[in-house]
């Protein structure tokens, strides 16, 4: 049980770092903008799925 909670917490941290990396990209070339959007999208998707699974784990 504790291993699952730690895994979800680490996934939440990783998703926040992905979102922050996408937001704080300072180079404004087209490839960097595309990568930033990709990082933000993946981070948000990962955060949503992780929070849903973590809440489901806490309820059970």
PDB file of N, CA and C in Angstrom:
ATOM      1  N   UNK A   1       0.821  -1.184   0.000  1.00  0.00           N
ATOM      2  CA  UNK A   1       0.000   0.000   0.000  1.00  0.00           C
ATOM      3  C   UNK A   1       0.869   1.254   0.000  1.00  0.00           C
ATOM      4  N   UNK A   2       1.894   1.272   0.816  1.00  0.00           N
ATOM      5  CA  UNK A   2       2.772   2.437   0.890  1.00  0.00           C
ATOM      6  C   UNK A   2       3.572   2.599  -0.401  1.00  0.00           C
ATOM      7  N   UNK A   3       3.915   1.484  -1.043  1.00  0.00           N
ATOM      8  CA  UNK A   3       4.656   1.572  -2.302  1.00  0.00           C
ATOM      9  C   UNK A   3       3.814   2.232  -3.383  1.00  0.00           C
ATOM     10  N   UNK A   4       2.532   1.910  -3.419  1.00  0.00           N
ATOM     11  CA  UNK A   4       1.645   2.525  -4.405  1.00  0.00           C
ATOM     12  C   UNK A   4       1.504   4.017  -4.159  1.00  0.00           C
ATOM     13  N   UNK A   5       1.382   4.417  -2.890  1.00  0.00           N
ATOM     14  CA  UNK A   5       1.266   5.838  -2.578  1.00  0.00           C
ATOM     15  C   UNK A   5       2.525   6.584  -2.982  1.00  0.00           C
ATOM     16  N   UNK A   6       3.678   6.005  -2.715  1.00  0.00           N
ATOM     17  CA  UNK A   6       4.943   6.639  -3.094  1.00  0.00           C
ATOM     18  C   UNK A   6       5.057   6.755  -4.607  1.00  0.00           C
ATOM     19  N   UNK A   7       4.620   5.733  -5.320  1.00  0.00           N
ATOM     20  CA  UNK A   7       4.651   5.769  -6.780  1.00  0.00           C
ATOM     21  C   UNK A   7       3.775   6.889  -7.314  1.00  0.00           C
ATOM     22  N   UNK A   8       2.577   7.034  -6.763  1.00  0.00           N
ATOM     23  CA  UNK A   8       1.677   8.092  -7.219  1.00  0.00           C
ATOM     24  C   UNK A   8       2.227   9.476  -6.886  1.00  0.00           C
ATOM     25  N   UNK A   9       2.831   9.619  -5.725  1.00  0.00           N
ATOM     26  CA  UNK A   9       3.419  10.910  -5.359  1.00  0.00           C
ATOM     27  C   UNK A   9       4.566  11.256  -6.296  1.00  0.00           C
ATOM     28  N   UNK A  10       5.392  10.285  -6.633  1.00  0.00           N
ATOM     29  CA  UNK A  10       6.493  10.534  -7.569  1.00  0.00           C
ATOM     30  C   UNK A  10       5.978  10.860  -8.968  1.00  0.00           C
ATOM     31  N   UNK A  11       4.890  10.223  -9.387  1.00  0.00           N
ATOM     32  CA  UNK A  11       4.292  10.550 -10.680  1.00  0.00           C
ATOM     33  C   UNK A  11       3.708  11.959 -10.689  1.00  0.00           C
ATOM     34  N   UNK A  12       3.136  12.387  -9.580  1.00  0.00           N
ATOM     35  CA  UNK A  12       2.624  13.756  -9.484  1.00  0.00           C
ATOM     36  C   UNK A  12       3.770  14.756  -9.588  1.00  0.00           C
ATOM     37  N   UNK A  13       4.874  14.483  -8.908  1.00  0.00           N
ATOM     38  CA  UNK A  13       6.038  15.366  -8.985  1.00  0.00           C
ATOM     39  C   UNK A  13       6.585  15.408 -10.403  1.00  0.00           C
ATOM     40  N   UNK A  14       6.665  14.256 -11.061  1.00  0.00           N
ATOM     41  CA  UNK A  14       7.166  14.211 -12.438  1.00  0.00           C
ATOM     42  C   UNK A  14       6.264  14.992 -13.383  1.00  0.00           C
ATOM     43  N   UNK A  15       4.958  14.896 -13.192  1.00  0.00           N
ATOM     44  CA  UNK A  15       4.048  15.630 -14.075  1.00  0.00           C
ATOM     45  C   UNK A  15       4.149  17.133 -13.846  1.00  0.00           C
ATOM     46  N   UNK A  16       4.323  17.552 -12.605  1.00  0.00           N
ATOM     47  CA  UNK A  16       4.496  18.982 -12.324  1.00  0.00           C
ATOM     48  C   UNK A  16       5.793  19.491 -12.935  1.00  0.00           C
ATOM     49  N   UNK A  17       6.842  18.691 -12.879  1.00  0.00           N
ATOM     50  CA  UNK A  17       8.108  19.094 -13.502  1.00  0.00           C
ATOM     51  C   UNK A  17       7.990  19.171 -15.022  1.00  0.00           C
ATOM     52  N   UNK A  18       7.237  18.268 -15.627  1.00  0.00           N
ATOM     53  CA  UNK A  18       7.009  18.342 -17.071  1.00  0.00           C
ATOM     54  C   UNK A  18       6.255  19.610 -17.449  1.00  0.00           C
ATOM     55  N   UNK A  19       5.246  19.939 -16.680  1.00  0.00           N
ATOM     56  CA  UNK A  19       4.479  21.159 -16.950  1.00  0.00           C
ATOM     57  C   UNK A  19       5.363  22.390 -16.773  1.00  0.00           C
ATOM     58  N   UNK A  20       6.154  22.413 -15.705  1.00  0.00           N
ATOM     59  CA  UNK A  20       7.044  23.551 -15.465  1.00  0.00           C
ATOM     60  C   UNK A  20       8.092  23.673 -16.563  1.00  0.00           C
ATOM     61  N   UNK A  21       8.604  22.554 -17.036  1.00  0.00           N
ATOM     62  CA  UNK A  21       9.579  22.576 -18.120  1.00  0.00           C
ATOM     63  C   UNK A  21       8.957  23.141 -19.386  1.00  0.00           C
ATOM     64  N   UNK A  22       7.716  22.805 -19.645  1.00  0.00           N
ATOM     65  CA  UNK A  22       7.039  23.344 -20.815  1.00  0.00           C
ATOM     66  C   UNK A  22       6.751  24.826 -20.690  1.00  0.00           C
ATOM     67  N   UNK A  23       6.443  25.278 -19.490  1.00  0.00           N
ATOM     68  CA  UNK A  23       6.126  26.693 -19.285  1.00  0.00           C
ATOM     69  C   UNK A  23       7.382  27.557 -19.348  1.00  0.00           C
ATOM     70  N   UNK A  24       8.470  27.095 -18.769  1.00  0.00           N
ATOM     71  CA  UNK A  24       9.668  27.920 -18.644  1.00  0.00           C
ATOM     72  C   UNK A  24      10.676  27.732 -19.768  1.00  0.00           C
ATOM     73  N   UNK A  25      10.234  27.285 -20.920  1.00  0.00           N
ATOM     74  CA  UNK A  25      11.129  27.192 -22.081  1.00  0.00           C
ATOM     75  C   UNK A  25      11.322  28.606 -22.639  1.00  0.00           C
ATOM     76  N   UNK A  26      12.554  29.056 -22.692  1.00  0.00           N
ATOM     77  CA  UNK A  26      12.819  30.445 -23.055  1.00  0.00           C
ATOM     78  C   UNK A  26      13.121  30.631 -24.532  1.00  0.00           C
ATOM     79  N   UNK A  27      13.445  29.574 -25.229  1.00  0.00           N
ATOM     80  CA  UNK A  27      13.737  29.683 -26.657  1.00  0.00           C
ATOM     81  C   UNK A  27      12.413  29.661 -27.418  1.00  0.00           C
ATOM     82  N   UNK A  28      12.215  30.625 -28.308  1.00  0.00           N
ATOM     83  CA  UNK A  28      10.924  30.759 -28.988  1.00  0.00           C
ATOM     84  C   UNK A  28      10.997  30.362 -30.456  1.00  0.00           C
ATOM     85  N   UNK A  29      11.745  29.313 -30.741  1.00  0.00           N
ATOM     86  CA  UNK A  29      11.739  28.779 -32.097  1.00  0.00           C
ATOM     87  C   UNK A  29      10.588  27.782 -32.211  1.00  0.00           C
ATOM     88  N   UNK A  30      10.201  27.480 -33.425  1.00  0.00           N
ATOM     89  CA  UNK A  30       9.054  26.590 -33.642  1.00  0.00           C
ATOM     90  C   UNK A  30       9.239  25.204 -33.020  1.00  0.00           C
ATOM     91  N   UNK A  31      10.404  24.555 -33.190  1.00  0.00           N
ATOM     92  CA  UNK A  31      10.546  23.232 -32.551  1.00  0.00           C
ATOM     93  C   UNK A  31      10.442  23.293 -31.023  1.00  0.00           C
ATOM     94  N   UNK A  32      10.969  24.350 -30.435  1.00  0.00           N
ATOM     95  CA  UNK A  32      10.909  24.472 -28.977  1.00  0.00           C
ATOM     96  C   UNK A  32       9.486  24.752 -28.498  1.00  0.00           C
ATOM     97  N   UNK A  33       8.736  25.530 -29.262  1.00  0.00           N
ATOM     98  CA  UNK A  33       7.336  25.787 -28.909  1.00  0.00           C
ATOM     99  C   UNK A  33       6.527  24.494 -28.990  1.00  0.00           C
ATOM    100  N   UNK A  34       6.774  23.704 -30.025  1.00  0.00           N
ATOM    101  CA  UNK A  34       6.071  22.418 -30.168  1.00  0.00           C
ATOM    102  C   UNK A  34       6.424  21.484 -29.015  1.00  0.00           C
ATOM    103  N   UNK A  35       7.707  21.433 -28.646  1.00  0.00           N
ATOM    104  CA  UNK A  35       8.117  20.589 -27.518  1.00  0.00           C
ATOM    105  C   UNK A  35       7.511  21.085 -26.211  1.00  0.00           C
ATOM    106  N   UNK A  36       7.427  22.402 -26.041  1.00  0.00           N
ATOM    107  CA  UNK A  36       6.830  22.953 -24.824  1.00  0.00           C
ATOM    108  C   UNK A  36       5.360  22.572 -24.719  1.00  0.00           C
ATOM    109  N   UNK A  37       4.641  22.694 -25.826  1.00  0.00           N
ATOM    110  CA  UNK A  37       3.227  22.306 -25.830  1.00  0.00           C
ATOM    111  C   UNK A  37       3.085  20.814 -25.541  1.00  0.00           C
ATOM    112  N   UNK A  38       3.972  20.016 -26.111  1.00  0.00           N
ATOM    113  CA  UNK A  38       3.948  18.574 -25.875  1.00  0.00           C
ATOM    114  C   UNK A  38       4.224  18.252 -24.407  1.00  0.00           C
ATOM    115  N   UNK A  39       5.218  18.915 -23.810  1.00  0.00           N
ATOM    116  CA  UNK A  39       5.524  18.687 -22.396  1.00  0.00           C
ATOM    117  C   UNK A  39       4.346  19.073 -21.507  1.00  0.00           C
ATOM    118  N   UNK A  40       3.719  20.205 -21.807  1.00  0.00           N
ATOM    119  CA  UNK A  40       2.577  20.643 -21.008  1.00  0.00           C
ATOM    120  C   UNK A  40       1.418  19.656 -21.148  1.00  0.00           C
ATOM    121  N   UNK A  41       1.145  19.209 -22.364  1.00  0.00           N
ATOM    122  CA  UNK A  41       0.038  18.272 -22.590  1.00  0.00           C
ATOM    123  C   UNK A  41       0.291  16.939 -21.893  1.00  0.00           C
ATOM    124  N   UNK A  42       1.487  16.398 -22.040  1.00  0.00           N
ATOM    125  CA  UNK A  42       1.811  15.121 -21.391  1.00  0.00           C
ATOM    126  C   UNK A  42       1.773  15.273 -19.875  1.00  0.00           C
ATOM    127  N   UNK A  43       2.292  16.385 -19.368  1.00  0.00           N
ATOM    128  CA  UNK A  43       2.264  16.625 -17.927  1.00  0.00           C
ATOM    129  C   UNK A  43       0.855  16.712 -17.385  1.00  0.00           C
ATOM    130  N   UNK A  44      -0.031  17.401 -18.106  1.00  0.00           N
ATOM    131  CA  UNK A  44      -1.424  17.513 -17.657  1.00  0.00           C
ATOM    132  C   UNK A  44      -2.142  16.171 -17.702  1.00  0.00           C
ATOM    133  N   UNK A  45      -1.930  15.421 -18.774  1.00  0.00           N
ATOM    134  CA  UNK A  45      -2.561  14.097 -18.887  1.00  0.00           C
ATOM    135  C   UNK A  45      -2.065  13.177 -17.774  1.00  0.00           C
ATOM    136  N   UNK A  46      -0.757  13.179 -17.544  1.00  0.00           N
ATOM    137  CA  UNK A  46      -0.188  12.347 -16.483  1.00  0.00           C
ATOM    138  C   UNK A  46      -0.705  12.774 -15.118  1.00  0.00           C
ATOM    139  N   UNK A  47      -0.815  14.073 -14.890  1.00  0.00           N
ATOM    140  CA  UNK A  47      -1.310  14.571 -13.610  1.00  0.00           C
ATOM    141  C   UNK A  47      -2.764  14.169 -13.384  1.00  0.00           C
ATOM    142  N   UNK A  48      -3.585  14.285 -14.397  1.00  0.00           N
ATOM    143  CA  UNK A  48      -5.004  13.934 -14.259  1.00  0.00           C
ATOM    144  C   UNK A  48      -5.171  12.446 -13.955  1.00  0.00           C
ATOM    145  N   UNK A  49      -4.501  11.590 -14.735  1.00  0.00           N
ATOM    146  CA  UNK A  49      -4.641  10.150 -14.506  1.00  0.00           C
ATOM    147  C   UNK A  49      -4.054   9.728 -13.160  1.00  0.00           C
ATOM    148  N   UNK A  50      -2.957  10.339 -12.763  1.00  0.00           N
ATOM    149  CA  UNK A  50      -2.344   9.986 -11.485  1.00  0.00           C
ATOM    150  C   UNK A  50      -3.222  10.412 -10.319  1.00  0.00           C
ATOM    151  N   UNK A  51      -3.778  11.619 -10.393  1.00  0.00           N
ATOM    152  CA  UNK A  51      -4.649  12.072  -9.309  1.00  0.00           C
ATOM    153  C   UNK A  51      -5.904  11.212  -9.203  1.00  0.00           C
ATOM    154  N   UNK A  52      -6.478  10.815 -10.335  1.00  0.00           N
ATOM    155  CA  UNK A  52      -7.661   9.949 -10.301  1.00  0.00           C
ATOM    156  C   UNK A  52      -7.325   8.599  -9.662  1.00  0.00           C
ATOM    157  N   UNK A  53      -6.188   8.015 -10.034  1.00  0.00           N
ATOM    158  CA  UNK A  53      -5.799   6.722  -9.474  1.00  0.00           C
ATOM    159  C   UNK A  53      -5.442   6.849  -7.991  1.00  0.00           C
ATOM    160  N   UNK A  54      -4.798   7.949  -7.620  1.00  0.00           N
ATOM    161  CA  UNK A  54      -4.411   8.164  -6.226  1.00  0.00           C
ATOM    162  C   UNK A  54      -5.644   8.346  -5.346  1.00  0.00           C
ATOM    163  N   UNK A  55      -6.620   9.087  -5.819  1.00  0.00           N
ATOM    164  CA  UNK A  55      -7.858   9.277  -5.063  1.00  0.00           C
ATOM    165  C   UNK A  55      -8.617   7.958  -4.941  1.00  0.00           C
ATOM    166  N   UNK A  56      -8.625   7.176  -6.018  1.00  0.00           N
ATOM    167  CA  UNK A  56      -9.290   5.868  -5.973  1.00  0.00           C
ATOM    168  C   UNK A  56      -8.591   4.951  -4.969  1.00  0.00           C
ATOM    169  N   UNK A  57      -7.258   5.028  -4.895  1.00  0.00           N
ATOM    170  CA  UNK A  57      -6.507   4.216  -3.941  1.00  0.00           C
ATOM    171  C   UNK A  57      -6.820   4.640  -2.509  1.00  0.00           C
ATOM    172  N   UNK A  58      -6.939   5.939  -2.282  1.00  0.00           N
ATOM    173  CA  UNK A  58      -7.217   6.414  -0.932  1.00  0.00           C
ATOM    174  C   UNK A  58      -8.633   6.066  -0.480  1.00  0.00           C
ATOM    175  N   UNK A  59      -9.576   6.002  -1.413  1.00  0.00           N
ATOM    176  CA  UNK A  59     -10.957   5.662  -1.057  1.00  0.00           C
ATOM    177  C   UNK A  59     -11.111   4.191  -0.695  1.00  0.00           C
ATOM    178  N   UNK A  60     -10.273   3.340  -1.264  1.00  0.00           N
ATOM    179  CA  UNK A  60     -10.421   1.898  -0.995  1.00  0.00           C
ATOM    180  C   UNK A  60      -9.694   1.468   0.259  1.00  0.00           C
TER     181      UNK A  60
END
